[in-house]
Amino acid sequence: MAKKKGAGGTPATVALAAASVSFTAHPYDHDPRAASFGLEAAEALGVAPERVFKTLLADADGELVVAVVPVSGQLDLKALARAVGASKAQMADPVAAQRATGYVVGGISPLGQRRAHRTVVDETAASMETVFVSGGRRGLDLELAPEDLIRLTDAAVAAIGR
């Protein structure tokens, strides 16, 4: 059953609890001056950056799609476009991303978004016992099994990171 300590009741934690998915909430003190929210989370939690995944939104031929990639690398927009069958992908406007997900940039979770979006998770996640994703606010990461993340977001799995 879900561990709720520090969960903060975000839409992401509510979605996980409703699906009876086991997860661990990892709150940490967020520094608003941090250059990279994902790398900040990895360092604060003492976790290898390859296990901490950032949630990015891209515009793929006019459709907002979610990309989940390790914070240790970058999103390959061409690979993402191929994964969703689009001719081109570019990073989404931050305001559009916030409006579409219901989360603020730096705290966008792939879980519990305002509307469901096509999601692609980088293939490296599948080889890990657990991964960390944003819990829906800056200073909160959620640890869960990658297969639960993939199932709950109905994600495709592809090599979209570099």
C-alpha atoms as a PDB file:
ATOM      1  CA  MET A   1       0.000   0.000   0.000  1.00  0.00           C
ATOM      2  CA  ALA A   2       1.081   3.557  -0.573  1.00  0.00           C
ATOM      3  CA  LYS A   3       3.247   5.263   1.972  1.00  0.00           C
ATOM      4  CA  LYS A   4       1.775   8.676   2.630  1.00  0.00           C
ATOM      5  CA  LYS A   5       4.382  10.284   4.908  1.00  0.00           C
ATOM      6  CA  GLY A   6       5.407  13.559   3.301  1.00  0.00           C
ATOM      7  CA  ALA A   7       3.208  12.899   0.293  1.00  0.00           C
ATOM      8  CA  GLY A   8       1.506  16.280   0.557  1.00  0.00           C
ATOM      9  CA  GLY A   9      -1.676  15.103  -1.158  1.00  0.00           C
ATOM     10  CA  THR A  10      -0.650  16.121  -4.681  1.00  0.00           C
ATOM     11  CA  PRO A  11      -2.640  14.810  -7.652  1.00  0.00           C
ATOM     12  CA  ALA A  12       0.281  12.415  -8.288  1.00  0.00           C
ATOM     13  CA  THR A  13       0.145  10.874  -4.811  1.00  0.00           C
ATOM     14  CA  VAL A  14      -3.649  10.741  -4.951  1.00  0.00           C
ATOM     15  CA  ALA A  15      -3.464   8.892  -8.302  1.00  0.00           C
ATOM     16  CA  LEU A  16      -0.970   6.379  -6.929  1.00  0.00           C
ATOM     17  CA  ALA A  17      -3.011   5.766  -3.779  1.00  0.00           C
ATOM     18  CA  ALA A  18      -6.219   5.373  -5.815  1.00  0.00           C
ATOM     19  CA  ALA A  19      -4.479   2.757  -7.980  1.00  0.00           C
ATOM     20  CA  SER A  20      -3.151   0.979  -4.854  1.00  0.00           C
ATOM     21  CA  VAL A  21       0.409   1.356  -6.125  1.00  0.00           C
ATOM     22  CA  SER A  22       3.220   1.142  -3.619  1.00  0.00           C
ATOM     23  CA  PHE A  23       5.433   4.217  -3.587  1.00  0.00           C
ATOM     24  CA  THR A  24       7.619   6.165  -1.239  1.00  0.00           C
ATOM     25  CA  ALA A  25       7.409   9.941  -0.999  1.00  0.00           C
ATOM     26  CA  HIS A  26      10.783  11.656  -0.629  1.00  0.00           C
ATOM     27  CA  PRO A  27      10.406  15.307   0.387  1.00  0.00           C
ATOM     28  CA  TYR A  28      13.507  17.469   0.411  1.00  0.00           C
ATOM     29  CA  ASP A  29      14.362  21.126   0.921  1.00  0.00           C
ATOM     30  CA  HIS A  30      14.133  22.751  -2.498  1.00  0.00           C
ATOM     31  CA  ASP A  31      16.468  25.632  -3.312  1.00  0.00           C
ATOM     32  CA  PRO A  32      14.723  27.953  -5.822  1.00  0.00           C
ATOM     33  CA  ARG A  33      18.167  28.994  -7.095  1.00  0.00           C
ATOM     34  CA  ALA A  34      19.025  25.431  -8.189  1.00  0.00           C
ATOM     35  CA  ALA A  35      20.168  25.311 -11.815  1.00  0.00           C
ATOM     36  CA  SER A  36      18.598  21.870 -12.362  1.00  0.00           C
ATOM     37  CA  PHE A  37      15.635  20.722 -10.285  1.00  0.00           C
ATOM     38  CA  GLY A  38      16.285  17.073 -11.180  1.00  0.00           C
ATOM     39  CA  LEU A  39      19.961  17.098 -10.288  1.00  0.00           C
ATOM     40  CA  GLU A  40      19.073  18.961  -7.092  1.00  0.00           C
ATOM     41  CA  ALA A  41      16.656  16.145  -6.199  1.00  0.00           C
ATOM     42  CA  ALA A  42      19.255  13.460  -6.906  1.00  0.00           C
ATOM     43  CA  GLU A  43      21.823  15.192  -4.729  1.00  0.00           C
ATOM     44  CA  ALA A  44      19.394  15.986  -1.898  1.00  0.00           C
ATOM     45  CA  LEU A  45      18.125  12.411  -1.824  1.00  0.00           C
ATOM     46  CA  GLY A  46      21.540  10.783  -2.270  1.00  0.00           C
ATOM     47  CA  VAL A  47      20.386   8.930  -5.376  1.00  0.00           C
ATOM     48  CA  ALA A  48      22.269   8.318  -8.629  1.00  0.00           C
ATOM     49  CA  PRO A  49      21.030  10.832 -11.242  1.00  0.00           C
ATOM     50  CA  GLU A  50      20.333   7.933 -13.641  1.00  0.00           C
ATOM     51  CA  ARG A  51      17.496   6.826 -11.312  1.00  0.00           C
ATOM     52  CA  VAL A  52      15.878  10.280 -11.089  1.00  0.00           C
ATOM     53  CA  PHE A  53      13.672  11.090 -14.078  1.00  0.00           C
ATOM     54  CA  LYS A  54      12.491  14.484 -15.248  1.00  0.00           C
ATOM     55  CA  THR A  55       9.118  15.034 -16.857  1.00  0.00           C
ATOM     56  CA  LEU A  56       9.190  17.212 -19.943  1.00  0.00           C
ATOM     57  CA  LEU A  57       6.436  18.270 -22.304  1.00  0.00           C
ATOM     58  CA  ALA A  58       7.018  18.582 -26.003  1.00  0.00           C
ATOM     59  CA  ASP A  59       4.918  19.688 -28.929  1.00  0.00           C
ATOM     60  CA  ALA A  60       4.923  16.860 -31.484  1.00  0.00           C
ATOM     61  CA  ASP A  61       3.168  17.987 -34.651  1.00  0.00           C
ATOM     62  CA  GLY A  62       0.777  20.111 -32.589  1.00  0.00           C
ATOM     63  CA  GLU A  63       0.107  17.513 -29.861  1.00  0.00           C
ATOM     64  CA  LEU A  64       1.476  17.874 -26.344  1.00  0.00           C
ATOM     65  CA  VAL A  65       3.325  14.713 -25.356  1.00  0.00           C
ATOM     66  CA  VAL A  66       5.097  13.801 -22.133  1.00  0.00           C
ATOM     67  CA  ALA A  67       8.699  12.597 -22.123  1.00  0.00           C
ATOM     68  CA  VAL A  68      10.221  11.027 -19.010  1.00  0.00           C
ATOM     69  CA  VAL A  69      14.033  10.886 -19.140  1.00  0.00           C
ATOM     70  CA  PRO A  70      16.901  10.598 -16.639  1.00  0.00           C
ATOM     71  CA  VAL A  71      18.079  13.906 -15.183  1.00  0.00           C
ATOM     72  CA  SER A  72      21.633  12.791 -15.982  1.00  0.00           C
ATOM     73  CA  GLY A  73      20.984  13.355 -19.692  1.00  0.00           C
ATOM     74  CA  GLN A  74      18.838  15.218 -22.153  1.00  0.00           C
ATOM     75  CA  LEU A  75      15.725  14.553 -24.176  1.00  0.00           C
ATOM     76  CA  ASP A  76      16.406  13.624 -27.804  1.00  0.00           C
ATOM     77  CA  LEU A  77      13.573  15.451 -29.564  1.00  0.00           C
ATOM     78  CA  LYS A  78      14.085  13.560 -32.844  1.00  0.00           C
ATOM     79  CA  ALA A  79      13.842  10.226 -31.022  1.00  0.00           C
ATOM     80  CA  LEU A  80      10.716  11.408 -29.210  1.00  0.00           C
ATOM     81  CA  ALA A  81       9.124  12.437 -32.516  1.00  0.00           C
ATOM     82  CA  ARG A  82       9.886   8.979 -33.951  1.00  0.00           C
ATOM     83  CA  ALA A  83       8.472   7.288 -30.836  1.00  0.00           C
ATOM     84  CA  VAL A  84       5.113   9.054 -31.219  1.00  0.00           C
ATOM     85  CA  GLY A  85       5.002   8.940 -35.023  1.00  0.00           C
ATOM     86  CA  ALA A  86       5.466  12.678 -35.484  1.00  0.00           C
ATOM     87  CA  SER A  87       7.583  14.421 -38.085  1.00  0.00           C
ATOM     88  CA  LYS A  88       8.971  16.928 -35.573  1.00  0.00           C
ATOM     89  CA  ALA A  89       9.010  17.635 -31.843  1.00  0.00           C
ATOM     90  CA  GLN A  90      10.063  20.729 -29.950  1.00  0.00           C
ATOM     91  CA  MET A  91       9.906  21.674 -26.312  1.00  0.00           C
ATOM     92  CA  ALA A  92       6.454  22.890 -25.295  1.00  0.00           C
ATOM     93  CA  ASP A  93       5.864  26.416 -24.087  1.00  0.00           C
ATOM     94  CA  PRO A  94       6.227  26.339 -20.263  1.00  0.00           C
ATOM     95  CA  VAL A  95       2.910  28.144 -19.756  1.00  0.00           C
ATOM     96  CA  ALA A  96       1.134  25.602 -22.000  1.00  0.00           C
ATOM     97  CA  ALA A  97       2.834  22.757 -20.104  1.00  0.00           C
ATOM     98  CA  GLN A  98       1.666  24.126 -16.753  1.00  0.00           C
ATOM     99  CA  ARG A  99      -1.871  24.698 -18.033  1.00  0.00           C
ATOM    100  CA  ALA A 100      -2.119  21.224 -19.571  1.00  0.00           C
ATOM    101  CA  THR A 101      -0.720  19.334 -16.580  1.00  0.00           C
ATOM    102  CA  GLY A 102      -1.898  21.379 -13.619  1.00  0.00           C
ATOM    103  CA  TYR A 103       1.661  21.438 -12.257  1.00  0.00           C
ATOM    104  CA  VAL A 104       4.352  24.131 -12.148  1.00  0.00           C
ATOM    105  CA  VAL A 105       7.524  23.764 -14.196  1.00  0.00           C
ATOM    106  CA  GLY A 106      10.113  22.038 -12.029  1.00  0.00           C
ATOM    107  CA  GLY A 107       7.357  20.089 -10.307  1.00  0.00           C
ATOM    108  CA  ILE A 108       5.562  18.474 -13.257  1.00  0.00           C
ATOM    109  CA  SER A 109       4.807  14.859 -12.467  1.00  0.00           C
ATOM    110  CA  PRO A 110       4.032  12.280 -15.135  1.00  0.00           C
ATOM    111  CA  LEU A 111       1.266  11.083 -12.783  1.00  0.00           C
ATOM    112  CA  GLY A 112      -2.038  12.755 -11.950  1.00  0.00           C
ATOM    113  CA  GLN A 113      -1.941  15.326 -14.716  1.00  0.00           C
ATOM    114  CA  ARG A 114      -5.008  17.452 -15.383  1.00  0.00           C
ATOM    115  CA  ARG A 115      -5.486  15.711 -18.754  1.00  0.00           C
ATOM    116  CA  ALA A 116      -3.992  12.457 -19.991  1.00  0.00           C
ATOM    117  CA  HIS A 117      -1.238  12.945 -22.558  1.00  0.00           C
ATOM    118  CA  ARG A 118       0.618  10.419 -24.648  1.00  0.00           C
ATOM    119  CA  THR A 119       3.683   9.542 -22.622  1.00  0.00           C
ATOM    120  CA  VAL A 120       7.046   8.040 -23.526  1.00  0.00           C
ATOM    121  CA  VAL A 121       9.411   6.778 -20.830  1.00  0.00           C
ATOM    122  CA  ASP A 122      13.089   6.356 -21.655  1.00  0.00           C
ATOM    123  CA  GLU A 123      14.013   2.693 -21.974  1.00  0.00           C
ATOM    124  CA  THR A 124      16.655   2.928 -19.231  1.00  0.00           C
ATOM    125  CA  ALA A 125      13.878   3.038 -16.620  1.00  0.00           C
ATOM    126  CA  ALA A 126      12.823  -0.541 -17.374  1.00  0.00           C
ATOM    127  CA  SER A 127      16.155  -1.941 -16.127  1.00  0.00           C
ATOM    128  CA  MET A 128      15.824  -0.386 -12.666  1.00  0.00           C
ATOM    129  CA  GLU A 129      14.161  -1.757  -9.555  1.00  0.00           C
ATOM    130  CA  THR A 130      12.733   1.675  -8.724  1.00  0.00           C
ATOM    131  CA  VAL A 131      12.830   5.144 -10.250  1.00  0.00           C
ATOM    132  CA  PHE A 132      12.202   8.618  -8.864  1.00  0.00           C
ATOM    133  CA  VAL A 133       9.834  11.109 -10.522  1.00  0.00           C
ATOM    134  CA  SER A 134       8.457  14.448  -9.433  1.00  0.00           C
ATOM    135  CA  GLY A 135       5.675  14.181  -6.906  1.00  0.00           C
ATOM    136  CA  GLY A 136       3.832  17.184  -8.297  1.00  0.00           C
ATOM    137  CA  ARG A 137       5.646  19.997  -6.541  1.00  0.00           C
ATOM    138  CA  ARG A 138       9.195  21.199  -6.220  1.00  0.00           C
ATOM    139  CA  GLY A 139      10.866  19.462  -3.296  1.00  0.00           C
ATOM    140  CA  LEU A 140       8.973  16.169  -3.569  1.00  0.00           C
ATOM    141  CA  ASP A 141      10.007  13.076  -5.491  1.00  0.00           C
ATOM    142  CA  LEU A 142       8.173   9.775  -5.589  1.00  0.00           C
ATOM    143  CA  GLU A 143       9.949   6.439  -5.761  1.00  0.00           C
ATOM    144  CA  LEU A 144       8.090   3.632  -7.491  1.00  0.00           C
ATOM    145  CA  ALA A 145       8.617   0.612  -9.705  1.00  0.00           C
ATOM    146  CA  PRO A 146       9.124   1.592 -13.349  1.00  0.00           C
ATOM    147  CA  GLU A 147       6.508  -0.913 -14.475  1.00  0.00           C
ATOM    148  CA  ASP A 148       3.929   0.898 -12.306  1.00  0.00           C
ATOM    149  CA  LEU A 149       4.941   4.253 -13.808  1.00  0.00           C
ATOM    150  CA  ILE A 150       4.646   2.839 -17.330  1.00  0.00           C
ATOM    151  CA  ARG A 151       1.303   1.163 -16.616  1.00  0.00           C
ATOM    152  CA  LEU A 152      -0.317   4.151 -14.883  1.00  0.00           C
ATOM    153  CA  THR A 153       0.731   6.611 -17.589  1.00  0.00           C
ATOM    154  CA  ASP A 154      -0.001   4.108 -20.381  1.00  0.00           C
ATOM    155  CA  ALA A 155       3.469   4.982 -21.620  1.00  0.00           C
ATOM    156  CA  ALA A 156       5.425   3.746 -24.566  1.00  0.00           C
ATOM    157  CA  VAL A 157       9.010   2.798 -23.762  1.00  0.00           C
ATOM    158  CA  ALA A 158      11.689   3.998 -26.185  1.00  0.00           C
ATOM    159  CA  ALA A 159      15.255   5.303 -26.360  1.00  0.00           C
ATOM    160  CA  ILE A 160      14.455   9.023 -26.056  1.00  0.00           C
ATOM    161  CA  GLY A 161      17.315  10.132 -23.809  1.00  0.00           C
ATOM    162  CA  ARG A 162      20.880  10.942 -24.751  1.00  0.00           C
END
